């Protein structure tokens, strides 16, 4: 399954990643959307001395703004992965100001999601979190839109592939290499926690690398919002090998589960496998709850101590339980300058070997060699079912800023022909250019 995919599934005893939603995930708030009237723009006239009169329209003022975004605006290039609810494609945008840019398009089937109210809540939570979170080490949501039967998330394309793939190739990482990735992940987790968000699915498959080799966390389908200090949740979710004991026992968990998972990920990077594994799920869980943590002698004292402290079974004693500062302050990171980490000034230890912007060589060929086909949207949902996804549509502020930039049009006057000289004038943005992105949204489409 691609790391871009939302990971919300019913309990299945034959798979390793499980989600049993049975608790308190009903805190999704919808955003009302306002229809946009394109007629407000098309009857304006601008004249400039020495220039011909130009009739302004959506073709020359904020081109594409009046058009609703949909699947037809993207060319399918490659399959990046598949999940329980749909596919992830590499796509190229073929319309608008960002035509030619490459993205990852996650396609989710509404009919599969609406069968369970909690699945719907998880899907909407992922979209809301992606909108709210802007961070150097977290994947960026660029667009979101929907059709009658599908939801579409357009994310930045991260051509460096999964950390999992690189770890598989290397076998294990040196401590300096692990330190680089852990540092960037720590800052991403710290930011999520500051917003009251638990990640809950940290594993090598969910850590992507960009073209330069820096970390980006992806797949926010198992996140939980509104978790502040002293608040716990009871949902059983995640990937077994990286799940904290308090999730497995359903005793209630908070942000500390992410620090356990960080310790398990660090162990995986340095030893080559998760810390607790068994022949089946039951034995793996038993080892997580009661097994001895075995650390090889070749690890430095700082590395061993950090793993032990991150993987304390008592969450109150776990490093990070009182905040990320304690993790950042550990001796394992004594040579790390955190301002440089945040500013992405550190040299990545692995630089993906890429030949082009749309290179997919860092992704699994089991997917990339498949023919990219977005299956026909045949399902028809009731009006009430579709209302569940009201507020899903989104356009990134960076895209809106680009759309609302003053545009320069060169026009030559037929009255004073000058073969080698044009009079330039600036057409200001539309009268509602201070509107927020949500003011331009519609539940069935997205104006850009």
Protein backbone atom coordinates (compact mmCIF):
# COMPACT_ATOMS: atom_id res chain seq x y z
CA UNK A 1 0.00 0.00 0.00
CA UNK A 2 1.37 3.42 -0.90
CA UNK A 3 2.42 5.65 1.95
CA UNK A 4 0.26 8.37 0.41
CA UNK A 5 -2.86 6.28 1.11
CA UNK A 6 -5.26 6.92 3.96
CA UNK A 7 -4.95 3.95 6.26
CA UNK A 8 -8.43 3.39 7.65
CA UNK A 9 -9.53 -0.24 7.62
CA UNK A 10 -11.74 -2.60 9.56
CA UNK A 11 -10.08 -5.28 11.67
CA UNK A 12 -8.74 -8.05 9.46
CA UNK A 13 -6.87 -10.89 11.11
CA UNK A 14 -4.88 -11.56 7.93
CA UNK A 15 -3.20 -8.18 7.65
CA UNK A 16 -0.63 -6.39 9.78
CA UNK A 17 -2.13 -2.90 9.70
CA UNK A 18 -5.45 -2.71 11.50
CA UNK A 19 -7.91 -0.12 12.61
CA UNK A 20 -10.85 -0.84 14.83
CA UNK A 21 -12.80 2.35 15.24
CA UNK A 22 -14.98 2.14 18.30
CA UNK A 23 -14.43 5.20 20.37
CA UNK A 24 -14.59 8.95 20.31
CA UNK A 25 -13.79 10.13 16.79
CA UNK A 26 -16.86 12.34 16.20
CA UNK A 27 -15.26 15.77 16.40
CA UNK A 28 -15.21 16.82 12.75
CA UNK A 29 -16.44 20.31 11.96
CA UNK A 30 -17.69 21.11 8.47
CA UNK A 31 -16.96 24.38 6.71
CA UNK A 32 -19.79 25.97 4.81
CA UNK A 33 -18.99 26.79 1.22
CA UNK A 34 -20.04 29.77 -0.84
CA UNK A 35 -20.82 29.59 -4.54
CA UNK A 36 -18.80 31.86 -6.80
CA UNK A 37 -20.44 33.86 -9.58
CA UNK A 38 -18.13 34.18 -12.60
CA UNK A 39 -20.38 36.83 -14.15
CA UNK A 40 -18.91 39.35 -11.70
CA UNK A 41 -15.73 39.46 -13.78
CA UNK A 42 -16.47 39.25 -17.46
CA UNK A 43 -17.98 42.67 -18.20
CA UNK A 44 -15.16 44.93 -17.05
CA UNK A 45 -13.28 47.16 -19.49
CA UNK A 46 -9.76 48.54 -19.04
CA UNK A 47 -8.27 51.15 -21.35
CA UNK A 48 -4.68 52.36 -21.49
CA UNK A 49 -3.39 55.32 -23.44
CA UNK A 50 -1.90 54.16 -26.69
CA UNK A 51 -3.47 50.74 -26.36
CA UNK A 52 -6.45 49.01 -27.79
CA UNK A 53 -9.50 48.40 -25.65
CA UNK A 54 -9.54 44.90 -24.17
CA UNK A 55 -12.60 43.01 -23.03
CA UNK A 56 -11.63 41.38 -19.74
CA UNK A 57 -12.68 37.79 -19.14
CA UNK A 58 -11.61 34.70 -17.26
CA UNK A 59 -9.13 34.06 -20.08
CA UNK A 60 -6.98 37.09 -19.28
CA UNK A 61 -7.82 37.93 -15.65
CA UNK A 62 -7.00 35.16 -13.22
CA UNK A 63 -7.21 32.58 -16.00
CA UNK A 64 -8.91 29.41 -14.88
CA UNK A 65 -10.42 31.00 -11.75
CA UNK A 66 -14.00 30.45 -12.85
CA UNK A 67 -13.43 26.84 -13.71
CA UNK A 68 -14.24 24.06 -11.30
CA UNK A 69 -11.35 21.71 -10.75
CA UNK A 70 -11.94 18.04 -11.43
CA UNK A 71 -10.26 14.83 -12.56
CA UNK A 72 -10.25 16.13 -16.13
CA UNK A 73 -7.64 18.73 -15.13
CA UNK A 74 -5.03 16.06 -14.42
CA UNK A 75 -3.26 13.62 -16.69
CA UNK A 76 -2.64 10.23 -15.09
CA UNK A 77 1.04 9.30 -15.43
CA UNK A 78 1.87 6.44 -13.07
CA UNK A 79 0.37 4.33 -10.30
CA UNK A 80 2.22 4.96 -7.03
CA UNK A 81 0.19 2.67 -4.77
CA UNK A 82 -3.13 1.09 -3.85
CA UNK A 83 -5.12 0.94 -0.64
CA UNK A 84 -8.40 -0.32 0.68
CA UNK A 85 -10.37 2.67 -0.57
CA UNK A 86 -8.66 3.60 -3.81
CA UNK A 87 -5.40 4.42 -5.58
CA UNK A 88 -2.61 6.93 -5.60
CA UNK A 89 -1.40 8.25 -8.95
CA UNK A 90 1.37 10.46 -10.11
CA UNK A 91 -0.40 13.10 -12.21
CA UNK A 92 0.46 16.13 -14.31
CA UNK A 93 -1.79 19.16 -14.18
CA UNK A 94 -2.88 20.21 -17.64
CA UNK A 95 -4.83 23.41 -16.86
CA UNK A 96 -4.44 26.60 -14.86
CA UNK A 97 -1.45 28.65 -13.80
CA UNK A 98 0.38 25.54 -12.57
CA UNK A 99 -0.12 23.50 -15.75
CA UNK A 100 2.73 21.06 -16.23
CA UNK A 101 3.38 20.57 -12.51
CA UNK A 102 3.43 17.04 -11.11
CA UNK A 103 1.46 15.94 -8.06
CA UNK A 104 0.39 12.81 -6.20
CA UNK A 105 -3.37 12.28 -6.54
CA UNK A 106 -5.05 10.15 -3.89
CA UNK A 107 -8.45 8.87 -5.02
CA UNK A 108 -10.90 7.59 -2.39
CA UNK A 109 -14.23 5.91 -3.05
CA UNK A 110 -17.10 7.51 -1.17
CA UNK A 111 -19.19 4.34 -1.23
CA UNK A 112 -16.49 2.47 0.69
CA UNK A 113 -16.05 5.25 3.23
CA UNK A 114 -19.67 6.06 4.04
CA UNK A 115 -20.44 2.51 5.11
CA UNK A 116 -18.93 3.37 8.47
CA UNK A 117 -19.47 6.73 10.13
CA UNK A 118 -16.09 6.51 11.81
CA UNK A 119 -14.35 5.93 8.47
CA UNK A 120 -16.00 9.07 7.17
CA UNK A 121 -14.74 10.97 10.22
CA UNK A 122 -11.19 9.68 9.72
CA UNK A 123 -11.19 10.67 6.05
CA UNK A 124 -12.43 14.16 6.80
CA UNK A 125 -9.96 14.47 9.66
CA UNK A 126 -7.10 13.66 7.31
CA UNK A 127 -8.20 16.36 4.90
CA UNK A 128 -8.68 18.90 7.73
CA UNK A 129 -5.27 18.14 9.23
CA UNK A 130 -3.56 18.46 5.86
CA UNK A 131 -5.17 21.88 5.45
CA UNK A 132 -4.21 23.04 8.94
CA UNK A 133 -0.63 21.78 9.04
CA UNK A 134 2.08 23.64 7.14
CA UNK A 135 5.57 22.44 8.00
CA UNK A 136 8.87 21.76 6.18
CA UNK A 137 8.70 18.06 7.07
CA UNK A 138 5.02 17.34 6.43
CA UNK A 139 3.51 16.68 2.99
CA UNK A 140 1.57 19.62 1.54
CA UNK A 141 -2.05 19.43 0.42
CA UNK A 142 -2.44 21.51 -2.75
CA UNK A 143 -6.03 20.80 -3.83
CA UNK A 144 -9.01 18.77 -2.69
CA UNK A 145 -12.20 18.21 -4.68
CA UNK A 146 -14.91 15.63 -5.19
CA UNK A 147 -17.21 14.08 -7.73
CA UNK A 148 -20.47 12.27 -7.10
CA UNK A 149 -18.71 9.08 -6.04
CA UNK A 150 -15.09 9.95 -5.26
CA UNK A 151 -12.86 12.18 -3.16
CA UNK A 152 -9.60 13.54 -4.54
CA UNK A 153 -6.61 14.79 -2.55
CA UNK A 154 -3.88 16.45 -4.64
CA UNK A 155 -0.60 16.37 -2.71
CA UNK A 156 2.90 17.50 -3.55
CA UNK A 157 4.77 14.80 -5.42
CA UNK A 158 7.73 13.53 -3.37
CA UNK A 159 10.01 11.84 -5.85
CA UNK A 160 12.50 10.55 -3.26
CA UNK A 161 10.22 7.66 -2.37
CA UNK A 162 9.63 5.93 0.95
CA UNK A 163 12.26 5.76 3.67
CA UNK A 164 11.26 2.08 3.80
CA UNK A 165 12.63 1.49 0.29
CA UNK A 166 15.95 3.13 1.13
CA UNK A 167 16.22 1.19 4.39
CA UNK A 168 15.52 -2.03 2.50
CA UNK A 169 18.36 -1.24 0.08
CA UNK A 170 20.85 -0.27 2.79
CA UNK A 171 19.91 -2.96 5.33
CA UNK A 172 20.70 -0.69 8.28
CA UNK A 173 21.66 2.96 8.66
CA UNK A 174 24.70 4.39 10.38
CA UNK A 175 23.88 6.38 13.51
CA UNK A 176 24.66 9.71 11.82
CA UNK A 177 22.20 8.83 9.04
CA UNK A 178 19.52 7.79 11.51
CA UNK A 179 20.15 10.99 13.49
CA UNK A 180 19.43 13.11 10.42
CA UNK A 181 16.06 11.47 9.74
CA UNK A 182 15.07 11.33 13.41
CA UNK A 183 15.82 15.05 13.82
CA UNK A 184 13.49 16.07 11.00
CA UNK A 185 10.78 13.64 12.15
CA UNK A 186 11.01 14.98 15.72
CA UNK A 187 10.31 18.51 14.52
CA UNK A 188 7.32 17.27 12.50
CA UNK A 189 5.89 15.40 15.51
CA UNK A 190 6.51 18.37 17.78
CA UNK A 191 4.55 20.60 15.43
CA UNK A 192 1.64 18.14 15.23
CA UNK A 193 1.54 17.81 19.01
CA UNK A 194 1.53 21.60 19.40
CA UNK A 195 -1.69 21.60 17.35
CA UNK A 196 -3.25 18.87 19.51
CA UNK A 197 -2.75 16.16 16.86
CA UNK A 198 -1.45 12.63 17.49
CA UNK A 199 0.06 11.02 14.40
CA UNK A 200 -0.35 7.35 15.47
CA UNK A 201 1.13 5.67 12.39
CA UNK A 202 4.84 6.45 12.33
CA UNK A 203 6.70 3.78 10.34
CA UNK A 204 9.24 3.72 7.48
CA UNK A 205 6.48 3.44 4.84
CA UNK A 206 4.93 6.74 5.99
CA UNK A 207 8.16 8.73 5.83
CA UNK A 208 8.76 10.03 2.30
CA UNK A 209 11.80 11.82 0.95
CA UNK A 210 11.65 14.82 -1.35
CA UNK A 211 13.92 15.26 -4.36
CA UNK A 212 16.70 16.65 -2.16
CA UNK A 213 16.44 13.82 0.39
CA UNK A 214 14.65 15.63 3.22
CA UNK A 215 11.86 13.99 5.22
CA UNK A 216 8.12 14.49 4.70
CA UNK A 217 5.56 12.71 6.88
CA UNK A 218 2.54 11.50 4.93
CA UNK A 219 -0.70 9.52 5.42
CA UNK A 220 -2.71 11.26 8.11
CA UNK A 221 -5.68 8.87 8.01
CA UNK A 222 -5.08 7.61 11.55
CA UNK A 223 -4.44 10.96 13.21
CA UNK A 224 -6.50 12.13 16.14
CA UNK A 225 -7.28 15.80 16.62
CA UNK A 226 -8.01 17.86 19.74
CA UNK A 227 -5.71 15.92 22.07
CA UNK A 228 -4.33 18.33 24.64
CA UNK A 229 -2.49 17.55 27.88
CA UNK A 230 -4.41 15.15 30.09
CA UNK A 231 -6.77 14.06 27.29
CA UNK A 232 -6.70 10.47 26.08
CA UNK A 233 -8.39 8.50 23.32
CA UNK A 234 -9.04 4.76 23.04
CA UNK A 235 -9.06 3.91 19.35
CA UNK A 236 -7.16 0.75 18.44
CA UNK A 237 -5.22 1.77 15.32
CA UNK A 238 -1.82 1.76 13.72
CA UNK A 239 0.67 -0.84 12.53
CA UNK A 240 1.19 -3.53 15.16
CA UNK A 241 5.01 -3.55 15.22
CA UNK A 242 5.12 0.19 15.92
CA UNK A 243 2.12 0.49 18.25
CA UNK A 244 2.64 1.59 21.85
CA UNK A 245 1.51 -0.76 24.66
CA UNK A 246 -1.26 1.59 25.81
CA UNK A 247 -2.91 1.38 22.39
CA UNK A 248 -2.80 -2.42 22.48
CA UNK A 249 -4.30 -2.58 25.98
CA UNK A 250 -6.87 0.12 25.18
CA UNK A 251 -6.10 1.77 28.47
CA UNK A 252 -6.26 5.22 26.88
CA UNK A 253 -3.44 6.96 25.03
CA UNK A 254 -2.16 10.43 24.28
CA UNK A 255 0.77 12.04 22.48
CA UNK A 256 3.33 9.73 24.11
CA UNK A 257 2.40 6.96 21.64
CA UNK A 258 4.26 8.84 18.92
CA UNK A 259 7.49 8.79 20.95
CA UNK A 260 7.23 5.02 21.41
CA UNK A 261 6.83 4.70 17.64
CA UNK A 262 9.86 6.95 17.15
CA UNK A 263 11.89 4.60 19.33
CA UNK A 264 10.66 1.59 17.33
CA UNK A 265 11.54 3.39 14.08
CA UNK A 266 15.01 4.27 15.40
CA UNK A 267 15.53 0.62 16.35
CA UNK A 268 14.42 -0.44 12.86
CA UNK A 269 16.87 1.97 11.21
CA UNK A 270 19.85 0.87 13.31
CA UNK A 271 19.15 -2.87 13.68
CA UNK A 272 17.25 -3.66 10.48
CA UNK A 273 13.90 -4.78 11.90
CA UNK A 274 11.28 -3.57 14.39
CA UNK A 275 12.13 -4.23 18.07
CA UNK A 276 9.31 -6.71 18.70
CA UNK A 277 8.18 -9.23 16.09
CA UNK A 278 6.54 -12.64 16.35
CA UNK A 279 5.29 -15.41 14.10
CA UNK A 280 1.79 -13.92 14.24
CA UNK A 281 -0.06 -10.90 15.54
CA UNK A 282 -0.79 -12.41 18.94
CA UNK A 283 2.87 -13.23 19.60
CA UNK A 284 3.97 -9.81 18.40
CA UNK A 285 1.54 -8.10 20.77
CA UNK A 286 2.70 -10.31 23.63
CA UNK A 287 6.32 -9.33 23.00
CA UNK A 288 5.43 -5.61 22.86
CA UNK A 289 3.64 -5.90 26.20
CA UNK A 290 6.08 -8.17 28.03
CA UNK A 291 9.18 -8.90 25.93
CA UNK A 292 12.72 -7.78 26.73
CA UNK A 293 14.18 -5.03 24.58
CA UNK A 294 17.43 -6.43 23.17
CA UNK A 295 19.99 -3.90 21.97
CA UNK A 296 23.17 -5.01 20.15
CA UNK A 297 26.55 -4.05 21.53
CA UNK A 298 27.61 -2.19 18.38
CA UNK A 299 25.25 0.68 19.18
CA UNK A 300 26.74 3.64 21.04
CA UNK A 301 25.72 4.23 24.63
CA UNK A 302 23.75 7.34 23.61
CA UNK A 303 21.80 5.39 20.95
CA UNK A 304 20.98 2.53 23.34
CA UNK A 305 19.83 4.88 26.07
CA UNK A 306 17.65 6.93 23.72
CA UNK A 307 15.87 3.82 22.41
CA UNK A 308 15.34 2.51 25.96
CA UNK A 309 13.88 5.81 27.16
CA UNK A 310 11.62 6.23 24.14
CA UNK A 311 10.31 2.69 24.57
CA UNK A 312 9.40 2.82 28.25
CA UNK A 313 6.15 0.86 28.62
CA UNK A 314 4.89 3.35 31.19
CA UNK A 315 3.93 6.38 29.12
CA UNK A 316 4.45 8.74 32.06
CA UNK A 317 8.12 7.63 32.25
CA UNK A 318 8.65 7.70 28.49
CA UNK A 319 10.98 10.30 27.05
CA UNK A 320 8.80 12.89 25.31
CA UNK A 321 5.81 12.44 27.60
CA UNK A 322 6.47 15.92 28.98
CA UNK A 323 7.18 17.39 25.53
CA UNK A 324 9.51 17.17 22.56
CA UNK A 325 12.14 19.39 24.18
CA UNK A 326 13.28 16.46 26.32
CA UNK A 327 13.78 14.33 23.19
CA UNK A 328 15.67 17.07 21.38
CA UNK A 329 17.84 17.56 24.47
CA UNK A 330 19.01 13.95 24.63
CA UNK A 331 22.75 13.31 24.28
CA UNK A 332 22.21 11.40 21.03
CA UNK A 333 21.42 14.78 19.42
CA UNK A 334 24.22 16.71 21.15
CA UNK A 335 25.77 17.75 17.82
CA UNK A 336 22.46 18.77 16.24
CA UNK A 337 21.71 22.46 15.70
CA UNK A 338 17.93 22.46 15.59
CA UNK A 339 17.60 25.80 13.80
CA UNK A 340 19.67 24.34 10.97
CA UNK A 341 17.46 21.25 10.92
CA UNK A 342 14.28 23.32 10.62
CA UNK A 343 15.81 25.49 7.90
CA UNK A 344 16.80 22.35 5.95
CA UNK A 345 20.43 23.44 5.96
CA UNK A 346 21.78 19.98 6.80
CA UNK A 347 23.06 17.80 3.98
CA UNK A 348 20.80 14.74 3.51
CA UNK A 349 22.74 11.47 3.85
CA UNK A 350 20.86 9.88 0.95
CA UNK A 351 20.28 11.91 -2.21
CA UNK A 352 17.72 10.20 -4.46
CA UNK A 353 19.11 9.50 -7.92
CA UNK A 354 16.54 11.17 -10.14
CA UNK A 355 16.59 11.94 -13.83
CA UNK A 356 13.58 14.25 -14.04
CA UNK A 357 10.84 15.96 -12.05
CA UNK A 358 8.46 13.06 -12.71
CA UNK A 359 10.96 10.26 -12.00
CA UNK A 360 9.24 7.33 -10.23
CA UNK A 361 12.32 5.11 -9.86
CA UNK A 362 12.17 5.38 -6.05
CA UNK A 363 8.72 3.77 -5.90
CA UNK A 364 7.79 0.10 -6.03
CA UNK A 365 7.69 -1.23 -9.60
CA UNK A 366 4.77 -3.48 -8.61
CA UNK A 367 2.73 -0.29 -8.84
CA UNK A 368 4.61 1.97 -11.26
CA UNK A 369 4.52 -0.60 -14.07
CA UNK A 370 0.72 -0.85 -13.89
CA UNK A 371 -1.44 1.04 -16.37
CA UNK A 372 -2.77 4.17 -14.61
CA UNK A 373 -6.56 4.03 -14.82
CA UNK A 374 -9.00 5.87 -12.58
CA UNK A 375 -11.96 3.49 -12.64
CA UNK A 376 -15.32 4.94 -13.76
CA UNK A 377 -17.33 6.77 -11.12
CA UNK A 378 -20.40 4.56 -11.22
CA UNK A 379 -21.74 4.79 -7.67
CA UNK A 380 -24.59 7.13 -6.87
CA UNK A 381 -24.86 8.36 -3.28
CA UNK A 382 -27.93 9.85 -1.71
CA UNK A 383 -28.05 13.58 -1.09
CA UNK A 384 -27.67 13.01 2.65
CA UNK A 385 -24.60 10.81 2.08
CA UNK A 386 -22.99 13.45 -0.10
CA UNK A 387 -23.65 16.07 2.56
CA UNK A 388 -21.23 14.17 4.79
CA UNK A 389 -18.43 15.50 2.59
CA UNK A 390 -19.54 19.11 2.53
CA UNK A 391 -16.49 21.30 3.07
CA UNK A 392 -14.07 18.79 1.52
CA UNK A 393 -13.07 21.07 -1.36
CA UNK A 394 -9.80 22.98 -0.89
CA UNK A 395 -7.21 25.06 -2.69
CA UNK A 396 -3.86 25.86 -1.10
CA UNK A 397 -3.21 29.52 -0.17
CA UNK A 398 -0.04 29.43 -2.29
CA UNK A 399 -2.16 28.64 -5.34
CA UNK A 400 -4.59 31.44 -4.52
CA UNK A 401 -1.70 33.88 -4.11
CA UNK A 402 -0.45 32.92 -7.56
CA UNK A 403 -3.92 33.32 -9.06
CA UNK A 404 -4.38 36.78 -7.55
CA UNK A 405 -1.02 38.18 -8.63
CA UNK A 406 -1.40 41.27 -10.86
CA UNK A 407 -0.93 40.12 -14.43
CA UNK A 408 0.78 42.16 -17.17
CA UNK A 409 -0.75 42.16 -20.64
CA UNK A 410 1.16 43.59 -23.60
CA UNK A 411 -1.19 45.22 -26.11
CA UNK A 412 -0.31 47.07 -29.33
CA UNK A 413 -2.55 49.91 -30.44
CA UNK A 414 -3.87 49.61 -33.99
CA UNK A 415 -3.93 53.43 -34.14
CA UNK A 416 -0.19 53.82 -33.62
CA UNK A 417 1.45 50.66 -34.94
CA UNK A 418 4.94 50.19 -33.60
CA UNK A 419 6.40 46.93 -34.85
CA UNK A 420 8.99 46.67 -32.09
CA UNK A 421 7.30 48.44 -29.17
CA UNK A 422 4.35 47.40 -27.01
CA UNK A 423 2.53 49.37 -24.36
CA UNK A 424 2.26 47.35 -21.16
CA UNK A 425 -0.28 47.90 -18.43
CA UNK A 426 -1.24 45.95 -15.34
CA UNK A 427 -4.67 44.54 -14.78
CA UNK A 428 -5.39 44.40 -11.04
CA UNK A 429 -6.82 41.28 -9.43
CA UNK A 430 -10.57 40.79 -9.26
CA UNK A 431 -12.63 42.92 -6.90
CA UNK A 432 -12.94 40.10 -4.36
CA UNK A 433 -9.21 39.29 -4.36
CA UNK A 434 -9.11 39.53 -0.57
CA UNK A 435 -11.52 36.63 -0.24
CA UNK A 436 -10.25 33.56 1.53
CA UNK A 437 -9.88 30.33 -0.43
CA UNK A 438 -12.98 28.84 1.15
CA UNK A 439 -15.03 31.72 -0.22
CA UNK A 440 -14.40 30.33 -3.70
CA UNK A 441 -15.33 26.73 -3.01
CA UNK A 442 -18.23 24.59 -4.05
CA UNK A 443 -19.07 21.20 -2.63
CA UNK A 444 -18.95 19.50 -6.05
CA UNK A 445 -15.98 21.32 -7.53
CA UNK A 446 -13.13 23.75 -7.09
CA UNK A 447 -12.63 27.07 -8.87
CA UNK A 448 -9.02 27.85 -9.62
